[in-house]
Amino acid sequence: MASATEPPQQQGGWLEERLGLAAIRAFLAHKTVPVHAHTLWYYFGGITLFLFTIQVMTGTLLLLYYRPSPAEAYESVQFIVTRVQFGWLIRSIHSWSANLMILSAFIHMFSVVFLRAFRRPRELTWLSGIALLGLALAFGFSGYLLPWNTVSYFATKVGTDMAAAVPVVGHNMARFLRGGNDVGGATLTRFFGFHVAVLPGITTMLLLAHLALVQKHGMSSPRWAVEEYRRKGQSVPQMPFFPNFFLRELMAWYAALGVLGSLAAIFPWELGLKADPFAPAPAGIRPEWYFLAPFYTLKLIPSHVLVFEGELVGLAGFGLLALWWVALPFWAVDRKGVERTRWVTGAGVVLLAYLATFSALGYWR
């Protein structure tokens, strides 16, 4: 117990000496966020992180009852939603938050594109963000099989068949994903390991790196906002991150939680029928919405394009498109360092329109 005569700076200095709280307070006091007409879009990165946290918490609760084997997976999920108190709600929140997280990540990505937040020196921030989006999609793909119901089983067969169609490495890639020649018990165990151990570990490390890069370079201001204030002889206004922006971010999280809770309670996630590997695939089988655009595109491609198989042409096209999009910060400026504004905006609009249109077509047809 501190003495009454002990100097004030020594009282309560135990935590300060060990945690360095003064440095954290100083960092929060100096960190700022640009204020302009498009500040709203800054919140989607935090919303994505918030929904990922919801995923971790609800997934941990589901792990207490889930059993990753073909004989018990479906029954264990059925037990969760019918016998465990509020188990149906936890599972529904987990499933809906996964979809909302991916939607929020896509919105965040396109906001970065249209606000030009990928510009130098933020190229690594863009690359790490794209990698995190890819990991979110991998979470969705691996977690989709875990209930071991009919839809998830055959959707996984379709997805791994697409991987098998990749030239040269496709066969080995499909065997790696399936744990064998076909989707079965080894696939379920492997996807469970990916979903609860491998992907969370990689995501955590990459997320810390992404956040560190955001802290290092700060939040980017759109060039038109900078020029608008420059014409007035001013700089872009800034708000303190803490408490101003932080409290606004909390309100965004609260709104996201309200949407998530409403969807989970009003539209509980259905379990469906248990998978039967010997049954024929049900009519109209399709993947989750975030894979619908490429899925429907492949359905439209003819079986043969010139001398090549249509599916191979489609997969090659998607691969080139992905590489082109990942390299956006590097082709968005010419050799003289001038930004290709119209090219970037046009590319973002075209890709967004393609994803929205073909996802809708894939859902309704």
Protein backbone atom coordinates (compact mmCIF):
# COMPACT_ATOMS: atom_id res chain seq x y z
CA MET A 1 0.00 0.00 0.00
CA ALA A 2 1.42 3.38 -1.01
CA SER A 3 2.43 5.74 1.77
CA ALA A 4 0.48 8.97 2.24
CA THR A 5 3.76 10.88 1.95
CA GLU A 6 4.78 9.13 -1.31
CA PRO A 7 5.05 11.53 -4.27
CA PRO A 8 1.98 11.48 -6.64
CA GLN A 9 4.04 10.34 -9.61
CA GLN A 10 5.10 7.25 -7.64
CA GLN A 11 1.57 6.43 -6.53
CA GLY A 12 -0.04 4.27 -9.20
CA GLY A 13 3.28 4.05 -11.05
CA TRP A 14 3.38 0.27 -10.83
CA LEU A 15 1.21 -0.26 -13.95
CA GLU A 16 2.83 2.66 -15.74
CA GLU A 17 6.28 1.18 -15.26
CA ARG A 18 5.20 -2.19 -16.64
CA LEU A 19 2.69 -1.25 -19.37
CA GLY A 20 3.76 2.20 -20.49
CA LEU A 21 0.23 3.60 -20.39
CA ALA A 22 1.49 7.16 -20.88
CA ALA A 23 2.79 6.25 -24.34
CA ILE A 24 -0.62 4.78 -25.28
CA ARG A 25 -2.39 7.90 -24.04
CA ALA A 26 0.02 10.10 -26.00
CA PHE A 27 -0.54 8.04 -29.15
CA LEU A 28 -4.33 8.30 -28.83
CA ALA A 29 -4.09 12.02 -28.15
CA HIS A 30 -2.13 12.71 -31.36
CA LYS A 31 -3.82 10.28 -33.78
CA THR A 32 -6.30 12.05 -36.05
CA VAL A 33 -8.79 11.17 -38.81
CA PRO A 34 -9.55 13.36 -41.87
CA VAL A 35 -12.97 15.01 -41.94
CA HIS A 36 -14.61 15.46 -45.34
CA ALA A 37 -17.73 14.45 -47.26
CA HIS A 38 -16.60 10.82 -47.54
CA THR A 39 -15.47 10.17 -43.97
CA LEU A 40 -18.45 7.78 -43.65
CA TRP A 41 -16.61 5.14 -45.69
CA TYR A 42 -13.82 4.95 -43.11
CA TYR A 43 -16.13 3.08 -40.74
CA PHE A 44 -16.39 -0.08 -42.84
CA GLY A 45 -12.88 -1.24 -41.99
CA GLY A 46 -13.77 -1.13 -38.30
CA ILE A 47 -17.13 -2.80 -38.94
CA THR A 48 -15.34 -5.66 -40.70
CA LEU A 49 -13.01 -6.05 -37.72
CA PHE A 50 -15.98 -5.96 -35.32
CA LEU A 51 -17.81 -8.69 -37.25
CA PHE A 52 -14.63 -10.80 -37.30
CA THR A 53 -14.56 -10.51 -33.51
CA ILE A 54 -18.18 -11.70 -33.41
CA GLN A 55 -17.12 -14.64 -35.56
CA VAL A 56 -14.36 -15.60 -33.13
CA MET A 57 -16.60 -15.38 -30.06
CA THR A 58 -19.58 -17.27 -31.50
CA GLY A 59 -17.31 -19.82 -33.19
CA THR A 60 -15.65 -20.53 -29.85
CA LEU A 61 -19.07 -21.21 -28.29
CA LEU A 62 -20.05 -23.53 -31.16
CA LEU A 63 -16.78 -25.44 -30.71
CA LEU A 64 -17.96 -26.58 -27.29
CA TYR A 65 -20.53 -28.88 -28.94
CA TYR A 66 -19.44 -29.41 -32.55
CA ARG A 67 -17.95 -32.78 -33.59
CA PRO A 68 -16.02 -32.82 -36.91
CA SER A 69 -16.91 -36.24 -38.32
CA PRO A 70 -19.44 -37.31 -40.98
CA ALA A 71 -21.23 -39.50 -38.44
CA GLU A 72 -21.65 -36.74 -35.85
CA ALA A 73 -21.23 -33.32 -37.50
CA TYR A 74 -24.84 -32.89 -38.61
CA GLU A 75 -26.23 -34.33 -35.37
CA SER A 76 -24.00 -32.07 -33.25
CA VAL A 77 -25.23 -28.97 -35.10
CA GLN A 78 -28.79 -30.24 -34.78
CA PHE A 79 -28.22 -30.64 -31.03
CA ILE A 80 -26.91 -27.06 -30.85
CA VAL A 81 -29.96 -25.56 -32.56
CA THR A 82 -32.59 -27.72 -30.81
CA ARG A 83 -31.27 -28.61 -27.34
CA VAL A 84 -28.64 -26.06 -26.30
CA GLN A 85 -30.13 -22.94 -24.73
CA PHE A 86 -29.93 -20.11 -27.30
CA GLY A 87 -27.81 -22.42 -29.46
CA TRP A 88 -29.95 -21.65 -32.51
CA LEU A 89 -29.31 -17.94 -32.00
CA ILE A 90 -25.54 -18.34 -31.58
CA ARG A 91 -25.33 -20.42 -34.77
CA SER A 92 -27.53 -17.97 -36.64
CA ILE A 93 -25.40 -15.02 -35.49
CA HIS A 94 -22.25 -16.90 -36.55
CA SER A 95 -23.61 -17.59 -40.03
CA TRP A 96 -25.08 -14.13 -40.61
CA SER A 97 -22.01 -12.35 -39.26
CA ALA A 98 -19.84 -14.31 -41.71
CA ASN A 99 -21.91 -13.03 -44.62
CA LEU A 100 -22.05 -9.47 -43.28
CA MET A 101 -18.29 -9.51 -42.66
CA ILE A 102 -17.58 -10.45 -46.27
CA LEU A 103 -20.07 -7.83 -47.51
CA SER A 104 -18.45 -5.19 -45.31
CA ALA A 105 -14.98 -6.22 -46.53
CA PHE A 106 -16.09 -5.80 -50.16
CA ILE A 107 -17.56 -2.36 -49.39
CA HIS A 108 -14.32 -1.42 -47.64
CA MET A 109 -12.27 -2.57 -50.65
CA PHE A 110 -14.29 -0.56 -53.17
CA SER A 111 -14.27 2.50 -50.92
CA VAL A 112 -10.47 2.28 -50.86
CA VAL A 113 -10.49 2.17 -54.66
CA PHE A 114 -12.85 5.08 -55.22
CA LEU A 115 -11.20 7.23 -52.52
CA ARG A 116 -7.74 6.41 -53.95
CA ALA A 117 -6.53 5.22 -50.54
CA PHE A 118 -4.15 2.74 -52.22
CA ARG A 119 -1.79 5.48 -53.43
CA ARG A 120 1.86 5.64 -52.48
CA PRO A 121 3.04 4.88 -49.80
CA ARG A 122 0.04 2.64 -49.01
CA GLU A 123 0.69 -0.15 -51.52
CA LEU A 124 1.46 -2.71 -48.79
CA THR A 125 -1.70 -1.70 -46.94
CA TRP A 126 -3.69 -2.49 -50.10
CA LEU A 127 -1.93 -5.84 -50.60
CA SER A 128 -2.47 -6.92 -47.00
CA GLY A 129 -6.13 -5.86 -47.23
CA ILE A 130 -6.67 -7.90 -50.39
CA ALA A 131 -5.04 -10.89 -48.67
CA LEU A 132 -7.42 -10.46 -45.72
CA LEU A 133 -10.38 -10.43 -48.11
CA GLY A 134 -9.10 -13.67 -49.64
CA LEU A 135 -8.84 -15.18 -46.16
CA ALA A 136 -12.42 -14.09 -45.40
CA LEU A 137 -13.57 -15.95 -48.52
CA ALA A 138 -11.53 -18.97 -47.42
CA PHE A 139 -13.28 -18.83 -44.04
CA GLY A 140 -16.63 -18.86 -45.83
CA PHE A 141 -15.66 -21.77 -48.09
CA SER A 142 -14.21 -23.93 -45.31
CA GLY A 143 -16.99 -23.20 -42.82
CA TYR A 144 -19.74 -23.91 -45.34
CA LEU A 145 -19.06 -27.66 -45.24
CA LEU A 146 -18.98 -28.04 -41.45
CA PRO A 147 -22.75 -28.59 -40.86
CA TRP A 148 -22.46 -31.56 -43.27
CA ASN A 149 -25.83 -30.91 -44.89
CA THR A 150 -26.85 -31.66 -48.47
CA VAL A 151 -26.32 -28.18 -49.90
CA SER A 152 -22.91 -27.65 -48.28
CA TYR A 153 -21.68 -31.11 -49.31
CA PHE A 154 -22.48 -30.73 -53.01
CA ALA A 155 -21.40 -27.07 -53.08
CA THR A 156 -18.02 -28.20 -51.74
CA LYS A 157 -17.85 -30.86 -54.47
CA VAL A 158 -18.44 -28.14 -57.07
CA GLY A 159 -15.81 -25.89 -55.52
CA THR A 160 -13.14 -28.57 -55.29
CA ASP A 161 -13.94 -29.73 -58.83
CA MET A 162 -13.19 -26.18 -60.00
CA ALA A 163 -9.84 -26.38 -58.19
CA ALA A 164 -9.14 -29.72 -59.90
CA ALA A 165 -9.64 -28.08 -63.30
CA VAL A 166 -6.65 -25.76 -62.81
CA PRO A 167 -3.88 -26.79 -65.23
CA VAL A 168 -0.77 -28.61 -63.90
CA VAL A 169 -1.43 -28.15 -60.17
CA GLY A 170 -5.19 -28.69 -60.15
CA HIS A 171 -5.20 -32.42 -59.33
CA ASN A 172 -2.79 -32.03 -56.42
CA MET A 173 -4.65 -28.95 -55.19
CA ALA A 174 -7.97 -30.79 -55.17
CA ARG A 175 -6.44 -33.77 -53.32
CA PHE A 176 -4.95 -31.40 -50.77
CA LEU A 177 -8.33 -29.73 -50.16
CA ARG A 178 -10.30 -32.99 -50.06
CA GLY A 179 -7.76 -35.11 -48.22
CA GLY A 180 -8.33 -37.74 -50.91
CA ASN A 181 -9.92 -38.26 -54.29
CA ASP A 182 -13.42 -37.18 -53.27
CA VAL A 183 -15.25 -35.13 -50.67
CA GLY A 184 -15.63 -37.24 -47.53
CA GLY A 185 -14.72 -37.52 -43.89
CA ALA A 186 -11.13 -36.48 -44.50
CA THR A 187 -12.39 -33.33 -46.24
CA LEU A 188 -14.58 -32.43 -43.28
CA THR A 189 -11.74 -32.92 -40.80
CA ARG A 190 -9.37 -30.94 -42.99
CA PHE A 191 -11.79 -28.06 -43.51
CA PHE A 192 -12.44 -28.00 -39.75
CA GLY A 193 -8.71 -27.66 -39.11
CA PHE A 194 -8.43 -24.88 -41.68
CA HIS A 195 -11.45 -23.07 -40.27
CA VAL A 196 -10.61 -23.11 -36.56
CA ALA A 197 -6.78 -23.16 -36.52
CA VAL A 198 -4.89 -22.46 -39.74
CA LEU A 199 -6.96 -19.58 -41.12
CA PRO A 200 -7.45 -17.79 -37.75
CA GLY A 201 -3.71 -17.94 -37.08
CA ILE A 202 -2.76 -16.52 -40.47
CA THR A 203 -5.55 -13.93 -40.29
CA THR A 204 -4.47 -12.71 -36.86
CA MET A 205 -0.87 -12.14 -37.95
CA LEU A 206 -1.87 -10.46 -41.21
CA LEU A 207 -4.51 -8.35 -39.46
CA LEU A 208 -1.93 -7.04 -36.99
CA ALA A 209 0.37 -6.16 -39.90
CA HIS A 210 -2.50 -4.43 -41.74
CA LEU A 211 -3.46 -2.39 -38.68
CA ALA A 212 0.19 -1.47 -38.09
CA LEU A 213 0.44 -0.18 -41.68
CA VAL A 214 -2.78 1.83 -41.24
CA GLN A 215 -1.35 3.37 -38.06
CA LYS A 216 1.98 4.14 -39.71
CA HIS A 217 0.58 5.90 -42.79
CA GLY A 218 -2.71 7.16 -41.34
CA MET A 219 -6.00 7.41 -43.17
CA SER A 220 -5.74 8.77 -46.70
CA SER A 221 -7.68 11.86 -47.80
CA PRO A 222 -9.18 11.85 -51.31
CA ARG A 223 -7.19 13.99 -53.71
CA TRP A 224 -10.21 16.11 -54.62
CA ALA A 225 -10.79 16.90 -50.94
CA VAL A 226 -7.15 17.92 -50.52
CA GLU A 227 -7.30 20.15 -53.61
CA GLU A 228 -10.61 21.69 -52.56
CA TYR A 229 -9.22 22.81 -49.21
CA ARG A 230 -5.91 23.81 -50.80
CA ARG A 231 -7.75 26.26 -53.05
CA LYS A 232 -9.13 27.82 -49.88
CA GLY A 233 -5.64 28.01 -48.45
CA GLN A 234 -6.49 25.34 -45.85
CA SER A 235 -5.61 21.76 -45.10
CA VAL A 236 -8.13 18.94 -44.70
CA PRO A 237 -9.71 19.21 -41.21
CA GLN A 238 -8.84 16.48 -38.75
CA MET A 239 -10.74 15.03 -35.80
CA PRO A 240 -9.05 13.29 -32.84
CA PHE A 241 -9.26 9.53 -33.13
CA PHE A 242 -10.00 9.26 -29.42
CA PRO A 243 -12.64 9.96 -28.30
CA ASN A 244 -14.29 11.63 -31.34
CA PHE A 245 -13.82 9.06 -34.10
CA PHE A 246 -13.77 6.15 -31.67
CA LEU A 247 -17.23 7.01 -30.31
CA ARG A 248 -18.57 7.33 -33.86
CA GLU A 249 -17.03 3.94 -34.68
CA LEU A 250 -18.78 2.48 -31.63
CA MET A 251 -22.08 3.79 -32.96
CA ALA A 252 -21.34 2.10 -36.31
CA TRP A 253 -20.63 -1.16 -34.45
CA TYR A 254 -23.87 -0.76 -32.54
CA ALA A 255 -25.78 -0.30 -35.82
CA ALA A 256 -24.06 -3.37 -37.30
CA LEU A 257 -24.94 -5.35 -34.18
CA GLY A 258 -28.57 -4.26 -34.52
CA VAL A 259 -28.71 -5.42 -38.14
CA LEU A 260 -26.96 -8.68 -37.26
CA GLY A 261 -29.21 -9.41 -34.30
CA SER A 262 -32.35 -8.66 -36.31
CA LEU A 263 -31.33 -10.95 -39.18
CA ALA A 264 -30.28 -13.76 -36.82
CA ALA A 265 -33.52 -13.62 -34.81
CA ILE A 266 -36.02 -13.02 -37.64
CA PHE A 267 -34.35 -15.25 -40.25
CA PRO A 268 -32.66 -18.12 -38.35
CA TRP A 269 -30.04 -19.93 -40.43
CA GLU A 270 -31.53 -23.19 -41.67
CA LEU A 271 -29.79 -26.50 -41.15
CA GLY A 272 -31.35 -28.44 -44.03
CA LEU A 273 -31.02 -32.19 -44.56
CA LYS A 274 -28.05 -34.34 -43.70
CA ALA A 275 -25.63 -34.96 -46.55
CA ASP A 276 -25.86 -38.28 -48.36
CA PRO A 277 -22.76 -38.84 -50.55
CA PHE A 278 -24.60 -41.54 -52.51
CA ALA A 279 -27.61 -39.36 -53.37
CA PRO A 280 -27.74 -37.34 -56.61
CA ALA A 281 -26.99 -33.63 -56.38
CA PRO A 282 -30.16 -31.58 -55.79
CA ALA A 283 -31.40 -29.40 -58.64
CA GLY A 284 -30.33 -25.77 -58.63
CA ILE A 285 -27.31 -26.28 -56.40
CA ARG A 286 -25.28 -23.08 -56.07
CA PRO A 287 -22.58 -21.69 -53.76
CA GLU A 288 -22.89 -18.81 -51.32
CA TRP A 289 -23.59 -15.35 -52.78
CA TYR A 290 -19.94 -14.21 -52.71
CA PHE A 291 -19.01 -17.02 -55.13
CA LEU A 292 -22.06 -16.67 -57.38
CA ALA A 293 -20.54 -14.31 -59.97
CA PRO A 294 -17.66 -16.61 -61.02
CA PHE A 295 -19.93 -19.67 -60.68
CA TYR A 296 -22.55 -18.24 -63.04
CA THR A 297 -19.87 -16.96 -65.44
CA LEU A 298 -18.43 -20.47 -65.78
CA LYS A 299 -21.91 -21.80 -66.54
CA LEU A 300 -22.23 -19.35 -69.44
CA ILE A 301 -18.90 -20.23 -71.04
CA PRO A 302 -19.22 -22.86 -73.82
CA SER A 303 -17.69 -26.27 -73.23
CA HIS A 304 -14.97 -25.44 -75.75
CA VAL A 305 -13.49 -22.09 -76.76
CA LEU A 306 -11.47 -22.69 -79.94
CA VAL A 307 -9.22 -25.63 -78.97
CA PHE A 308 -9.38 -25.01 -75.21
CA GLU A 309 -11.81 -26.31 -72.62
CA GLY A 310 -14.26 -23.60 -71.63
CA GLU A 311 -13.76 -24.12 -67.88
CA LEU A 312 -9.99 -23.72 -68.25
CA VAL A 313 -10.49 -20.48 -70.18
CA GLY A 314 -12.78 -19.17 -67.46
CA LEU A 315 -10.40 -20.09 -64.62
CA ALA A 316 -7.47 -18.55 -66.49
CA GLY A 317 -9.50 -15.38 -66.99
CA PHE A 318 -10.36 -15.19 -63.28
CA GLY A 319 -6.70 -15.71 -62.39
CA LEU A 320 -5.56 -12.88 -64.64
CA LEU A 321 -8.36 -10.64 -63.35
CA ALA A 322 -7.30 -11.31 -59.76
CA LEU A 323 -3.64 -10.53 -60.51
CA TRP A 324 -4.62 -7.34 -62.35
CA TRP A 325 -6.77 -6.21 -59.42
CA VAL A 326 -4.13 -7.03 -56.80
CA ALA A 327 -1.60 -4.97 -58.80
CA LEU A 328 -3.93 -1.93 -58.87
CA PRO A 329 -1.57 0.46 -57.00
CA PHE A 330 1.19 -0.26 -59.50
CA TRP A 331 -0.68 0.27 -62.78
CA ALA A 332 -2.84 3.10 -61.41
CA VAL A 333 0.02 5.54 -62.12
CA ASP A 334 1.98 5.93 -65.33
CA ARG A 335 5.76 6.09 -65.66
CA LYS A 336 5.74 9.83 -64.91
CA GLY A 337 3.85 9.25 -61.67
CA VAL A 338 0.59 10.71 -62.99
CA GLU A 339 -2.48 8.94 -61.66
CA ARG A 340 -4.74 7.21 -64.17
CA THR A 341 -7.88 8.49 -62.49
CA ARG A 342 -10.38 7.53 -65.18
CA TRP A 343 -8.88 4.07 -65.60
CA VAL A 344 -9.11 3.34 -61.88
CA THR A 345 -12.65 4.67 -61.55
CA GLY A 346 -13.76 2.82 -64.67
CA ALA A 347 -12.17 -0.42 -63.48
CA GLY A 348 -13.87 -0.13 -60.09
CA VAL A 349 -17.28 0.60 -61.62
CA VAL A 350 -17.02 -2.24 -64.15
CA LEU A 351 -15.91 -4.80 -61.54
CA LEU A 352 -18.61 -3.71 -59.10
CA ALA A 353 -21.28 -3.89 -61.81
CA TYR A 354 -20.05 -7.32 -62.91
CA LEU A 355 -20.13 -8.76 -59.38
CA ALA A 356 -23.57 -7.32 -58.62
CA THR A 357 -25.16 -8.30 -61.95
CA PHE A 358 -23.78 -11.82 -62.24
CA SER A 359 -24.43 -12.55 -58.55
CA ALA A 360 -28.08 -11.56 -59.05
CA LEU A 361 -28.33 -13.63 -62.23
CA GLY A 362 -26.69 -16.61 -60.55
CA TYR A 363 -29.17 -16.38 -57.68
CA TRP A 364 -32.35 -16.06 -59.75
CA ARG A 365 -31.47 -18.56 -62.49
